[in-house]
Structures are given as C-alpha cells and as structure tokens.
Amino acid sequence: MTAQFLATKLVRHFVSDNPPASLVSRAAATFSQSSGDIKQVLRTILLSDEFKSSGGQKIKRPLEFLHSALRGLDAQVDFTRPAVLQTIRQFGQLPFNWESPDGYPDVSAAWINTNGMLNRWNFGLALANSQIPGVNVDIQNLVKDGQSVEDKVDLLSLNLIGEKLPADARDILTSYGSGNSASDALQNLAGLIIGSPHFQYR
C-alpha cells in the first residue's frame, strides 16, 4: 500500500495530474523490490516512455513558475529584500505554510484559476520591466544578438520556454513589438511570454 501511494504521488508530480496506471505499477514494483530506494523509483519514472512524452501535461506550481521566470530572464536578485517572498506569499505557495501534512496540491486545478493567472500576468510584466524591488533584469542583454523583432522574440522564447513559440503566437508578439516604441516593447514582450500559456507548462 505504501509503495502504491508513493508511486502515485511521484508519477503525478513528474508526469501527469492523472498518473498512468502502468507507470504507477512499475514504480511501485521498483519501490518494493529495492526496499524503498527512492533513487531507483525515480529512475524507473524518469526513464519511462510516459515521462518522455509528458511535455505540456504539467502546469508549473507557483514556485516553479517563479524560479523559471527568474532563471529565464537571468534576473539578478537581492534576497535581502522582501519583494520575492511577498510574491511567493501572494502566489499561495509560501514554503512550510500548508496546514495539512499532505503538502501543496500537485494538480493544475489548484493553481490555474482567475486569481492565479492574474497574479502570473502581473508578475511577468513587473519582472520584465524591473519593477520588483531588489530584482533587476537586463532584457537588452538577452536579445543583443537579435537583428529584427522576430529574432528578439525568438531569443526571448528560447530563454524562457526552451523553444520558439508556435507561429501564431510568434506572429502576434512580433506584430506587437513592431508597433510599439523600443523603450518598452522588449520588456513587455518578455512579460507577455511569461504570461502566455506556453510558459505555464513544464
């Protein structure tokens, strides 16, 4: 029973909100056969075909969203300032603050709602425009190798989501970047990518 419970939680976290039964069974079997060796269980999960095809199935929880945005924009953070902690609190995933012992929810329905998405959109734009006290972002440096607006959209996309945006989303952002002043367009483009559906998945 313990093996099945832990395997289900791990597969839910790494693969899908609806854990594939076949992978849960294999992970549980590994747990039992290895006397509870979590490394072996994780190896079973992370080397599985189900994991390899799981891209776009899991929504980033708030901390994952925050970390990936800071990393993607190469943000310089002064952790002595309280702004990042306040952002985490606003997102609803302050460490060690979940009253129940089962931990913060690991399914998208707990995080993707009107309030949650509004917070993400606002944070993305504020971060990209260096409007969060103690956090500095140099968008110009991230796109210095781009010649055209299209190039810069692609560079921002590669930094933030690891690949170029689909053509329809890329065209929308390129049109926006071409029609606005250079002083704020790049920052807003980065913020819009962070707020896009493509950035919400891991």
N, C-alpha and C. Protein backbone atom coordinates (compact mmCIF):
# COMPACT_ATOMS: atom_id res chain seq x y z
N MET A 1 0.83 -1.21 0.00
CA MET A 1 0.00 0.00 0.00
C MET A 1 0.87 1.26 0.00
N THR A 2 1.94 1.26 0.80
CA THR A 2 2.86 2.40 0.82
C THR A 2 3.50 2.59 -0.55
N ALA A 3 3.92 1.49 -1.17
CA ALA A 3 4.56 1.56 -2.48
C ALA A 3 3.62 2.19 -3.51
N GLN A 4 2.37 1.78 -3.52
CA GLN A 4 1.40 2.31 -4.47
C GLN A 4 1.13 3.79 -4.22
N PHE A 5 1.03 4.15 -2.94
CA PHE A 5 0.75 5.54 -2.57
C PHE A 5 1.89 6.46 -3.02
N LEU A 6 3.12 6.09 -2.69
CA LEU A 6 4.27 6.92 -3.05
C LEU A 6 4.48 6.96 -4.56
N ALA A 7 4.30 5.82 -5.21
CA ALA A 7 4.46 5.78 -6.66
C ALA A 7 3.45 6.70 -7.35
N THR A 8 2.22 6.69 -6.86
CA THR A 8 1.18 7.54 -7.44
C THR A 8 1.55 9.01 -7.28
N LYS A 9 2.00 9.41 -6.10
CA LYS A 9 2.37 10.81 -5.87
C LYS A 9 3.54 11.23 -6.75
N LEU A 10 4.53 10.37 -6.90
CA LEU A 10 5.70 10.71 -7.71
C LEU A 10 5.35 10.79 -9.19
N VAL A 11 4.55 9.86 -9.66
CA VAL A 11 4.16 9.90 -11.08
C VAL A 11 3.26 11.10 -11.34
N ARG A 12 2.40 11.42 -10.40
CA ARG A 12 1.56 12.61 -10.55
C ARG A 12 2.43 13.87 -10.64
N HIS A 13 3.47 13.93 -9.83
CA HIS A 13 4.33 15.12 -9.82
C HIS A 13 5.15 15.25 -11.10
N PHE A 14 5.70 14.16 -11.58
CA PHE A 14 6.63 14.23 -12.70
C PHE A 14 6.00 14.02 -14.06
N VAL A 15 4.83 13.40 -14.12
CA VAL A 15 4.30 13.01 -15.43
C VAL A 15 2.94 13.63 -15.75
N SER A 16 1.95 13.42 -14.89
CA SER A 16 0.60 13.84 -15.25
C SER A 16 -0.28 13.97 -14.02
N ASP A 17 -1.24 14.90 -14.06
CA ASP A 17 -2.22 15.02 -12.98
C ASP A 17 -3.03 13.73 -12.84
N ASN A 18 -3.16 13.02 -13.95
CA ASN A 18 -3.83 11.71 -13.94
C ASN A 18 -2.78 10.65 -14.20
N PRO A 19 -2.14 10.13 -13.16
CA PRO A 19 -0.98 9.24 -13.32
C PRO A 19 -1.31 7.98 -14.11
N PRO A 20 -0.54 7.68 -15.16
CA PRO A 20 -0.77 6.45 -15.92
C PRO A 20 -0.63 5.21 -15.02
N ALA A 21 -1.63 4.38 -15.01
CA ALA A 21 -1.65 3.22 -14.10
C ALA A 21 -0.47 2.29 -14.34
N SER A 22 -0.09 2.13 -15.61
CA SER A 22 1.00 1.20 -15.91
C SER A 22 2.32 1.68 -15.30
N LEU A 23 2.57 2.98 -15.37
CA LEU A 23 3.81 3.52 -14.80
C LEU A 23 3.77 3.49 -13.28
N VAL A 24 2.61 3.77 -12.70
CA VAL A 24 2.47 3.68 -11.25
C VAL A 24 2.78 2.26 -10.77
N SER A 25 2.27 1.28 -11.49
CA SER A 25 2.53 -0.12 -11.12
C SER A 25 4.01 -0.46 -11.19
N ARG A 26 4.69 -0.01 -12.25
CA ARG A 26 6.12 -0.29 -12.40
C ARG A 26 6.93 0.42 -11.31
N ALA A 27 6.56 1.66 -11.01
CA ALA A 27 7.26 2.40 -9.97
C ALA A 27 7.03 1.77 -8.60
N ALA A 28 5.82 1.33 -8.34
CA ALA A 28 5.51 0.67 -7.06
C ALA A 28 6.29 -0.64 -6.94
N ALA A 29 6.39 -1.37 -8.04
CA ALA A 29 7.14 -2.62 -8.03
C ALA A 29 8.62 -2.36 -7.74
N THR A 30 9.16 -1.31 -8.33
CA THR A 30 10.55 -0.95 -8.07
C THR A 30 10.75 -0.60 -6.61
N PHE A 31 9.80 0.14 -6.04
CA PHE A 31 9.88 0.51 -4.62
C PHE A 31 9.95 -0.75 -3.75
N SER A 32 9.08 -1.71 -4.04
CA SER A 32 9.04 -2.94 -3.24
C SER A 32 10.29 -3.78 -3.42
N GLN A 33 10.75 -3.90 -4.65
CA GLN A 33 11.90 -4.75 -4.96
C GLN A 33 13.22 -4.17 -4.47
N SER A 34 13.26 -2.84 -4.31
CA SER A 34 14.50 -2.17 -3.91
C SER A 34 14.50 -1.78 -2.43
N SER A 35 13.52 -2.29 -1.69
CA SER A 35 13.39 -1.96 -0.26
C SER A 35 13.24 -0.45 -0.04
N GLY A 36 12.47 0.17 -0.93
CA GLY A 36 12.14 1.58 -0.75
C GLY A 36 13.20 2.55 -1.21
N ASP A 37 14.04 2.15 -2.15
CA ASP A 37 15.09 3.03 -2.67
C ASP A 37 14.45 4.04 -3.64
N ILE A 38 14.32 5.28 -3.17
CA ILE A 38 13.65 6.30 -3.98
C ILE A 38 14.43 6.61 -5.25
N LYS A 39 15.76 6.51 -5.21
CA LYS A 39 16.54 6.74 -6.42
C LYS A 39 16.14 5.77 -7.52
N GLN A 40 15.94 4.52 -7.15
CA GLN A 40 15.55 3.51 -8.13
C GLN A 40 14.14 3.78 -8.66
N VAL A 41 13.26 4.22 -7.78
CA VAL A 41 11.89 4.55 -8.19
C VAL A 41 11.91 5.70 -9.18
N LEU A 42 12.68 6.74 -8.86
CA LEU A 42 12.77 7.89 -9.76
C LEU A 42 13.39 7.50 -11.10
N ARG A 43 14.37 6.61 -11.06
CA ARG A 43 14.98 6.15 -12.32
C ARG A 43 13.92 5.45 -13.18
N THR A 44 13.09 4.64 -12.57
CA THR A 44 12.02 3.97 -13.31
C THR A 44 11.09 4.98 -13.96
N ILE A 45 10.75 6.03 -13.22
CA ILE A 45 9.83 7.05 -13.74
C ILE A 45 10.49 7.90 -14.82
N LEU A 46 11.68 8.41 -14.53
CA LEU A 46 12.32 9.38 -15.43
C LEU A 46 12.86 8.76 -16.71
N LEU A 47 13.04 7.44 -16.73
CA LEU A 47 13.49 6.78 -17.95
C LEU A 47 12.33 6.14 -18.73
N SER A 48 11.13 6.37 -18.26
CA SER A 48 9.95 5.74 -18.88
C SER A 48 9.51 6.49 -20.13
N ASP A 49 8.81 5.78 -21.01
CA ASP A 49 8.24 6.41 -22.19
C ASP A 49 7.17 7.43 -21.79
N GLU A 50 6.47 7.14 -20.71
CA GLU A 50 5.42 8.07 -20.25
C GLU A 50 6.02 9.42 -19.86
N PHE A 51 7.16 9.38 -19.20
CA PHE A 51 7.82 10.64 -18.82
C PHE A 51 8.33 11.37 -20.06
N LYS A 52 8.93 10.62 -21.00
CA LYS A 52 9.49 11.24 -22.19
C LYS A 52 8.43 11.96 -23.02
N SER A 53 7.20 11.50 -22.94
CA SER A 53 6.13 12.11 -23.73
C SER A 53 5.22 13.01 -22.88
N SER A 54 5.71 13.41 -21.70
CA SER A 54 4.85 14.16 -20.78
C SER A 54 4.93 15.67 -20.93
N GLY A 55 5.72 16.15 -21.89
CA GLY A 55 5.83 17.60 -22.08
C GLY A 55 4.47 18.24 -22.30
N GLY A 56 4.22 19.34 -21.59
CA GLY A 56 2.96 20.05 -21.74
C GLY A 56 1.80 19.47 -20.95
N GLN A 57 2.08 18.49 -20.09
CA GLN A 57 1.00 17.90 -19.30
C GLN A 57 0.93 18.47 -17.88
N LYS A 58 2.04 19.00 -17.40
CA LYS A 58 2.07 19.50 -16.03
C LYS A 58 2.20 21.02 -16.00
N ILE A 59 1.29 21.67 -15.26
CA ILE A 59 1.38 23.11 -15.05
C ILE A 59 2.42 23.38 -13.96
N LYS A 60 3.18 24.44 -14.15
CA LYS A 60 4.14 24.83 -13.11
C LYS A 60 3.38 25.30 -11.87
N ARG A 61 3.77 24.77 -10.74
CA ARG A 61 3.25 25.31 -9.49
C ARG A 61 3.91 26.68 -9.28
N PRO A 62 3.38 27.51 -8.37
CA PRO A 62 3.89 28.88 -8.23
C PRO A 62 5.40 28.99 -8.05
N LEU A 63 6.00 28.16 -7.20
CA LEU A 63 7.45 28.25 -7.01
C LEU A 63 8.20 27.89 -8.28
N GLU A 64 7.72 26.90 -9.01
CA GLU A 64 8.34 26.53 -10.28
C GLU A 64 8.21 27.66 -11.29
N PHE A 65 7.03 28.28 -11.31
CA PHE A 65 6.79 29.42 -12.19
C PHE A 65 7.75 30.55 -11.87
N LEU A 66 7.86 30.89 -10.59
CA LEU A 66 8.74 31.98 -10.16
C LEU A 66 10.19 31.69 -10.51
N HIS A 67 10.66 30.50 -10.17
CA HIS A 67 12.06 30.15 -10.43
C HIS A 67 12.37 30.19 -11.92
N SER A 68 11.48 29.63 -12.72
CA SER A 68 11.76 29.56 -14.16
C SER A 68 11.74 30.94 -14.80
N ALA A 69 10.90 31.84 -14.29
CA ALA A 69 10.88 33.21 -14.82
C ALA A 69 12.16 33.95 -14.46
N LEU A 70 12.60 33.83 -13.21
CA LEU A 70 13.84 34.48 -12.80
C LEU A 70 15.03 33.92 -13.57
N ARG A 71 15.07 32.61 -13.72
CA ARG A 71 16.18 31.97 -14.44
C ARG A 71 16.15 32.34 -15.92
N GLY A 72 14.96 32.31 -16.52
CA GLY A 72 14.84 32.57 -17.95
C GLY A 72 15.24 33.97 -18.34
N LEU A 73 15.05 34.93 -17.43
CA LEU A 73 15.45 36.31 -17.71
C LEU A 73 16.79 36.66 -17.08
N ASP A 74 17.48 35.65 -16.54
CA ASP A 74 18.77 35.88 -15.90
C ASP A 74 18.68 37.02 -14.89
N ALA A 75 17.64 36.99 -14.08
CA ALA A 75 17.40 38.07 -13.12
C ALA A 75 18.45 38.09 -12.02
N GLN A 76 18.85 39.27 -11.64
CA GLN A 76 19.76 39.46 -10.51
C GLN A 76 18.91 39.81 -9.29
N VAL A 77 18.96 38.94 -8.28
CA VAL A 77 18.02 39.07 -7.15
C VAL A 77 18.78 39.38 -5.87
N ASP A 78 18.32 40.41 -5.17
CA ASP A 78 18.82 40.73 -3.84
C ASP A 78 17.89 40.06 -2.84
N PHE A 79 18.31 38.91 -2.32
CA PHE A 79 17.44 38.13 -1.45
C PHE A 79 17.29 38.73 -0.06
N THR A 80 17.98 39.85 0.20
CA THR A 80 17.76 40.52 1.47
C THR A 80 16.52 41.42 1.42
N ARG A 81 16.00 41.62 0.21
CA ARG A 81 14.79 42.42 0.04
C ARG A 81 13.57 41.50 0.12
N PRO A 82 12.45 41.98 0.66
CA PRO A 82 11.30 41.08 0.89
C PRO A 82 10.38 40.88 -0.30
N ALA A 83 10.65 41.53 -1.44
CA ALA A 83 9.69 41.51 -2.54
C ALA A 83 9.44 40.11 -3.08
N VAL A 84 10.49 39.30 -3.25
CA VAL A 84 10.30 37.95 -3.79
C VAL A 84 9.48 37.11 -2.83
N LEU A 85 9.76 37.23 -1.53
CA LEU A 85 8.99 36.49 -0.52
C LEU A 85 7.53 36.91 -0.55
N GLN A 86 7.28 38.19 -0.73
CA GLN A 86 5.91 38.68 -0.81
C GLN A 86 5.21 38.12 -2.05
N THR A 87 5.96 38.00 -3.15
CA THR A 87 5.39 37.43 -4.38
C THR A 87 4.99 35.98 -4.16
N ILE A 88 5.87 35.21 -3.51
CA ILE A 88 5.56 33.81 -3.24
C ILE A 88 4.32 33.70 -2.35
N ARG A 89 4.23 34.57 -1.37
CA ARG A 89 3.06 34.55 -0.49
C ARG A 89 1.79 34.88 -1.28
N GLN A 90 1.89 35.84 -2.18
CA GLN A 90 0.74 36.22 -2.99
C GLN A 90 0.33 35.08 -3.92
N PHE A 91 1.30 34.34 -4.42
CA PHE A 91 1.02 33.20 -5.29
C PHE A 91 0.38 32.04 -4.53
N GLY A 92 0.58 32.01 -3.22
CA GLY A 92 -0.07 30.97 -2.42
C GLY A 92 0.75 29.73 -2.17
N GLN A 93 2.08 29.82 -2.36
CA GLN A 93 2.92 28.64 -2.10
C GLN A 93 4.12 29.00 -1.24
N LEU A 94 3.88 29.69 -0.16
CA LEU A 94 4.95 30.03 0.77
C LEU A 94 5.45 28.73 1.42
N PRO A 95 6.76 28.46 1.38
CA PRO A 95 7.27 27.20 1.94
C PRO A 95 6.85 26.98 3.40
N PHE A 96 6.51 25.75 3.70
CA PHE A 96 6.15 25.31 5.05
C PHE A 96 4.89 25.99 5.58
N ASN A 97 4.04 26.47 4.68
CA ASN A 97 2.86 27.21 5.11
C ASN A 97 1.55 26.47 4.82
N TRP A 98 1.65 25.22 4.36
CA TRP A 98 0.45 24.42 4.07
C TRP A 98 0.05 23.69 5.34
N GLU A 99 -1.15 23.93 5.83
CA GLU A 99 -1.55 23.41 7.14
C GLU A 99 -1.64 21.89 7.18
N SER A 100 -2.14 21.30 6.11
CA SER A 100 -2.29 19.85 6.08
C SER A 100 -0.93 19.20 5.83
N PRO A 101 -0.67 18.01 6.39
CA PRO A 101 0.62 17.35 6.19
C PRO A 101 0.82 16.73 4.81
N ASP A 102 -0.17 16.85 3.92
CA ASP A 102 -0.03 16.22 2.61
C ASP A 102 0.68 17.10 1.59
N GLY A 103 1.07 18.31 1.97
CA GLY A 103 1.81 19.19 1.06
C GLY A 103 0.91 19.96 0.11
N TYR A 104 1.50 20.95 -0.56
CA TYR A 104 0.73 21.77 -1.51
C TYR A 104 0.20 20.90 -2.65
N PRO A 105 -0.97 21.24 -3.19
CA PRO A 105 -1.55 20.44 -4.28
C PRO A 105 -0.62 20.34 -5.48
N ASP A 106 -0.67 19.22 -6.16
CA ASP A 106 0.21 18.97 -7.30
C ASP A 106 -0.59 18.78 -8.58
N VAL A 107 -1.75 19.42 -8.66
CA VAL A 107 -2.58 19.34 -9.85
C VAL A 107 -2.92 20.76 -10.30
N SER A 108 -3.12 20.92 -11.59
CA SER A 108 -3.29 22.26 -12.17
C SER A 108 -4.53 22.98 -11.65
N ALA A 109 -5.59 22.24 -11.34
CA ALA A 109 -6.83 22.87 -10.91
C ALA A 109 -6.65 23.71 -9.65
N ALA A 110 -5.64 23.40 -8.84
CA ALA A 110 -5.41 24.15 -7.61
C ALA A 110 -4.76 25.50 -7.87
N TRP A 111 -4.14 25.67 -9.03
CA TRP A 111 -3.35 26.87 -9.27
C TRP A 111 -3.83 27.70 -10.46
N ILE A 112 -4.42 27.05 -11.44
CA ILE A 112 -4.82 27.78 -12.65
C ILE A 112 -6.28 28.19 -12.52
N ASN A 113 -6.47 29.39 -12.03
CA ASN A 113 -7.79 29.99 -11.88
C ASN A 113 -7.65 31.47 -12.16
N THR A 114 -8.74 32.21 -12.07
CA THR A 114 -8.71 33.62 -12.44
C THR A 114 -7.68 34.40 -11.62
N ASN A 115 -7.70 34.24 -10.32
CA ASN A 115 -6.78 34.98 -9.46
C ASN A 115 -5.34 34.54 -9.69
N GLY A 116 -5.13 33.23 -9.82
CA GLY A 116 -3.79 32.71 -10.02
C GLY A 116 -3.18 33.21 -11.32
N MET A 117 -3.97 33.22 -12.40
CA MET A 117 -3.45 33.67 -13.68
C MET A 117 -3.20 35.18 -13.68
N LEU A 118 -4.08 35.94 -13.04
CA LEU A 118 -3.87 37.39 -12.97
C LEU A 118 -2.57 37.70 -12.25
N ASN A 119 -2.29 36.98 -11.17
CA ASN A 119 -1.03 37.18 -10.45
C ASN A 119 0.16 36.86 -11.34
N ARG A 120 0.06 35.81 -12.14
CA ARG A 120 1.16 35.44 -13.02
C ARG A 120 1.39 36.49 -14.11
N TRP A 121 0.31 36.97 -14.69
CA TRP A 121 0.43 38.00 -15.73
C TRP A 121 1.08 39.27 -15.16
N ASN A 122 0.57 39.71 -14.02
CA ASN A 122 1.11 40.93 -13.41
C ASN A 122 2.57 40.75 -13.04
N PHE A 123 2.91 39.60 -12.49
CA PHE A 123 4.29 39.34 -12.09
C PHE A 123 5.21 39.34 -13.31
N GLY A 124 4.78 38.67 -14.40
CA GLY A 124 5.61 38.61 -15.59
C GLY A 124 5.95 39.98 -16.13
N LEU A 125 4.95 40.86 -16.22
CA LEU A 125 5.20 42.21 -16.73
C LEU A 125 6.05 43.03 -15.77
N ALA A 126 5.78 42.90 -14.47
CA ALA A 126 6.57 43.65 -13.48
C ALA A 126 8.02 43.17 -13.48
N LEU A 127 8.23 41.86 -13.56
CA LEU A 127 9.59 41.31 -13.57
C LEU A 127 10.35 41.80 -14.79
N ALA A 128 9.74 41.67 -15.96
CA ALA A 128 10.43 42.05 -17.19
C ALA A 128 10.75 43.53 -17.24
N ASN A 129 9.96 44.34 -16.55
CA ASN A 129 10.19 45.79 -16.52
C ASN A 129 10.99 46.23 -15.30
N SER A 130 11.60 45.26 -14.58
CA SER A 130 12.40 45.55 -13.38
C SER A 130 11.65 46.41 -12.38
N GLN A 131 10.37 46.08 -12.17
CA GLN A 131 9.54 46.84 -11.24
C GLN A 131 9.36 46.13 -9.90
N ILE A 132 10.11 45.05 -9.69
CA ILE A 132 10.06 44.34 -8.41
C ILE A 132 11.28 44.74 -7.60
N PRO A 133 11.09 45.39 -6.46
CA PRO A 133 12.23 45.86 -5.68
C PRO A 133 13.22 44.74 -5.37
N GLY A 134 14.49 45.01 -5.65
CA GLY A 134 15.51 44.02 -5.37
C GLY A 134 15.74 43.02 -6.48
N VAL A 135 15.03 43.17 -7.59
CA VAL A 135 15.19 42.26 -8.73
C VAL A 135 15.47 43.09 -9.97
N ASN A 136 16.57 42.79 -10.64
CA ASN A 136 16.94 43.54 -11.83
C ASN A 136 17.06 42.61 -13.03
N VAL A 137 16.51 43.04 -14.15
CA VAL A 137 16.54 42.26 -15.39
C VAL A 137 17.07 43.12 -16.52
N ASP A 138 17.99 42.59 -17.30
CA ASP A 138 18.55 43.30 -18.45
C ASP A 138 18.08 42.62 -19.73
N ILE A 139 16.91 43.04 -20.21
CA ILE A 139 16.35 42.43 -21.41
C ILE A 139 17.23 42.70 -22.63
N GLN A 140 17.77 43.89 -22.70
CA GLN A 140 18.60 44.23 -23.86
C GLN A 140 19.76 43.25 -24.01
N ASN A 141 20.34 42.85 -22.92
CA ASN A 141 21.46 41.92 -22.99
C ASN A 141 21.03 40.54 -23.48
N LEU A 142 19.80 40.16 -23.13
CA LEU A 142 19.30 38.84 -23.55
C LEU A 142 19.08 38.76 -25.06
N VAL A 143 18.77 39.90 -25.68
CA VAL A 143 18.45 39.88 -27.11
C VAL A 143 19.49 40.61 -27.95
N LYS A 144 20.68 40.80 -27.40
CA LYS A 144 21.70 41.59 -28.10
C LYS A 144 22.11 41.00 -29.44
N ASP A 145 21.92 39.69 -29.61
CA ASP A 145 22.30 39.06 -30.88
C ASP A 145 21.18 39.08 -31.91
N GLY A 146 20.03 39.62 -31.56
CA GLY A 146 18.90 39.67 -32.48
C GLY A 146 18.91 40.93 -33.31
N GLN A 147 18.69 40.78 -34.60
CA GLN A 147 18.67 41.94 -35.50
C GLN A 147 17.27 42.48 -35.71
N SER A 148 16.30 41.60 -35.84
CA SER A 148 14.93 42.01 -36.12
C SER A 148 14.05 41.73 -34.90
N VAL A 149 12.83 42.23 -34.95
CA VAL A 149 11.88 41.95 -33.88
C VAL A 149 11.63 40.45 -33.79
N GLU A 150 11.54 39.79 -34.95
CA GLU A 150 11.33 38.34 -34.97
C GLU A 150 12.47 37.62 -34.24
N ASP A 151 13.71 38.07 -34.52
CA ASP A 151 14.87 37.46 -33.86
C ASP A 151 14.77 37.62 -32.34
N LYS A 152 14.37 38.79 -31.91
CA LYS A 152 14.32 39.07 -30.47
C LYS A 152 13.21 38.29 -29.79
N VAL A 153 12.08 38.14 -30.46
CA VAL A 153 11.01 37.30 -29.93
C VAL A 153 11.50 35.86 -29.78
N ASP A 154 12.22 35.40 -30.79
CA ASP A 154 12.75 34.03 -30.75
C ASP A 154 13.76 33.85 -29.62
N LEU A 155 14.64 34.82 -29.44
CA LEU A 155 15.64 34.74 -28.38
C LEU A 155 14.98 34.72 -27.00
N LEU A 156 13.98 35.57 -26.82
CA LEU A 156 13.27 35.58 -25.54
C LEU A 156 12.54 34.26 -25.32
N SER A 157 11.94 33.73 -26.38
CA SER A 157 11.22 32.46 -26.28
C SER A 157 12.18 31.32 -25.91
N LEU A 158 13.34 31.30 -26.54
CA LEU A 158 14.32 30.25 -26.26
C LEU A 158 14.81 30.33 -24.82
N ASN A 159 15.00 31.54 -24.33
CA ASN A 159 15.43 31.71 -22.94
C ASN A 159 14.36 31.26 -21.96
N LEU A 160 13.12 31.57 -22.27
CA LEU A 160 12.04 31.37 -21.30
C LEU A 160 11.38 30.00 -21.39
N ILE A 161 11.18 29.50 -22.60
CA ILE A 161 10.47 28.22 -22.71
C ILE A 161 11.29 27.12 -23.39
N GLY A 162 12.52 27.47 -23.80
CA GLY A 162 13.40 26.46 -24.36
C GLY A 162 13.18 26.15 -25.82
N GLU A 163 12.26 26.85 -26.45
CA GLU A 163 11.99 26.64 -27.87
C GLU A 163 11.28 27.86 -28.42
N LYS A 164 11.20 27.94 -29.74
CA LYS A 164 10.48 29.05 -30.35
C LYS A 164 8.99 28.88 -30.15
N LEU A 165 8.29 29.99 -30.05
CA LEU A 165 6.84 29.95 -29.93
C LEU A 165 6.21 29.40 -31.20
N PRO A 166 5.02 28.82 -31.10
CA PRO A 166 4.27 28.44 -32.32
C PRO A 166 4.06 29.67 -33.19
N ALA A 167 3.89 29.44 -34.47
CA ALA A 167 3.84 30.54 -35.44
C ALA A 167 2.77 31.58 -35.11
N ASP A 168 1.58 31.14 -34.66
CA ASP A 168 0.52 32.12 -34.41
C ASP A 168 0.87 33.03 -33.25
N ALA A 169 1.41 32.48 -32.17
CA ALA A 169 1.80 33.29 -31.02
C ALA A 169 2.99 34.18 -31.38
N ARG A 170 3.92 33.64 -32.13
CA ARG A 170 5.09 34.41 -32.55
C ARG A 170 4.68 35.60 -33.39
N ASP A 171 3.73 35.40 -34.30
CA ASP A 171 3.27 36.49 -35.16
C ASP A 171 2.59 37.60 -34.35
N ILE A 172 1.82 37.22 -33.35
CA ILE A 172 1.13 38.22 -32.51
C ILE A 172 2.15 39.07 -31.77
N LEU A 173 3.15 38.43 -31.19
CA LEU A 173 4.16 39.18 -30.43
C LEU A 173 5.04 40.02 -31.35
N THR A 174 5.35 39.48 -32.51
CA THR A 174 6.14 40.25 -33.47
C THR A 174 5.40 41.50 -33.91
N SER A 175 4.11 41.35 -34.15
CA SER A 175 3.28 42.50 -34.53
C SER A 175 3.26 43.54 -33.42
N TYR A 176 3.11 43.07 -32.19
CA TYR A 176 3.13 43.99 -31.05
C TYR A 176 4.47 44.70 -30.95
N GLY A 177 5.56 43.95 -31.07
CA GLY A 177 6.89 44.54 -30.95
C GLY A 177 7.20 45.52 -32.05
N SER A 178 6.65 45.29 -33.23
CA SER A 178 6.90 46.18 -34.36
C SER A 178 6.09 47.47 -34.25
N GLY A 179 4.99 47.42 -33.53
CA GLY A 179 4.11 48.58 -33.48
C GLY A 179 4.24 49.42 -32.24
N ASN A 180 5.22 49.14 -31.38
CA ASN A 180 5.40 49.89 -30.15
C ASN A 180 6.83 50.39 -30.04
N SER A 181 7.00 51.42 -29.22
CA SER A 181 8.32 52.04 -29.09
C SER A 181 9.31 51.06 -28.49
N ALA A 182 10.55 51.18 -28.94
CA ALA A 182 11.59 50.27 -28.50
C ALA A 182 11.84 50.36 -27.00
N SER A 183 11.51 51.47 -26.38
CA SER A 183 11.82 51.68 -24.97
C SER A 183 11.09 50.70 -24.06
N ASP A 184 9.88 50.31 -24.43
CA ASP A 184 9.14 49.40 -23.55
C ASP A 184 8.71 48.11 -24.23
N ALA A 185 8.84 48.02 -25.53
CA ALA A 185 8.33 46.85 -26.25
C ALA A 185 9.04 45.58 -25.84
N LEU A 186 10.36 45.62 -25.73
CA LEU A 186 11.10 44.40 -25.41
C LEU A 186 10.73 43.87 -24.03
N GLN A 187 10.65 44.76 -23.05
CA GLN A 187 10.29 44.35 -21.71
C GLN A 187 8.90 43.73 -21.69
N ASN A 188 7.97 44.38 -22.37
CA ASN A 188 6.60 43.86 -22.39
C ASN A 188 6.50 42.55 -23.16
N LEU A 189 7.31 42.40 -24.20
CA LEU A 189 7.32 41.12 -24.92
C LEU A 189 7.73 39.99 -23.99
N ALA A 190 8.76 40.23 -23.19
CA ALA A 190 9.20 39.20 -22.24
C ALA A 190 8.10 38.91 -21.24
N GLY A 191 7.45 39.96 -20.73
CA GLY A 191 6.36 39.76 -19.78
C GLY A 191 5.18 39.01 -20.37
N LEU A 192 4.89 39.28 -21.64
CA LEU A 192 3.79 38.59 -22.31
C LEU A 192 4.10 37.11 -22.52
N ILE A 193 5.36 36.80 -22.80
CA ILE A 193 5.73 35.38 -22.95
C ILE A 193 5.57 34.67 -21.61
N ILE A 194 6.00 35.31 -20.52
CA ILE A 194 5.85 34.72 -19.19
C ILE A 194 4.37 34.49 -18.86
N GLY A 195 3.51 35.37 -19.32
CA GLY A 195 2.09 35.22 -19.06
C GLY A 195 1.36 34.32 -20.05
N SER A 196 2.07 33.87 -21.08
CA SER A 196 1.42 33.07 -22.11
C SER A 196 1.17 31.64 -21.64
N PRO A 197 0.24 30.94 -22.28
CA PRO A 197 0.01 29.53 -21.94
C PRO A 197 1.26 28.67 -22.09
N HIS A 198 2.12 29.01 -23.04
CA HIS A 198 3.30 28.20 -23.32
C HIS A 198 4.28 28.19 -22.15
N PHE A 199 4.31 29.26 -21.37
CA PHE A 199 5.24 29.33 -20.25
C PHE A 199 4.69 28.64 -19.00
N GLN A 200 3.40 28.40 -18.96
CA GLN A 200 2.79 27.82 -17.75
C GLN A 200 3.10 26.34 -17.60
N TYR A 201 3.48 25.68 -18.69
CA TYR A 201 3.74 24.24 -18.63
C TYR A 201 5.22 23.96 -18.41
N ARG A 202 5.49 22.82 -17.79
CA ARG A 202 6.89 22.41 -17.64
C ARG A 202 7.10 21.04 -18.29
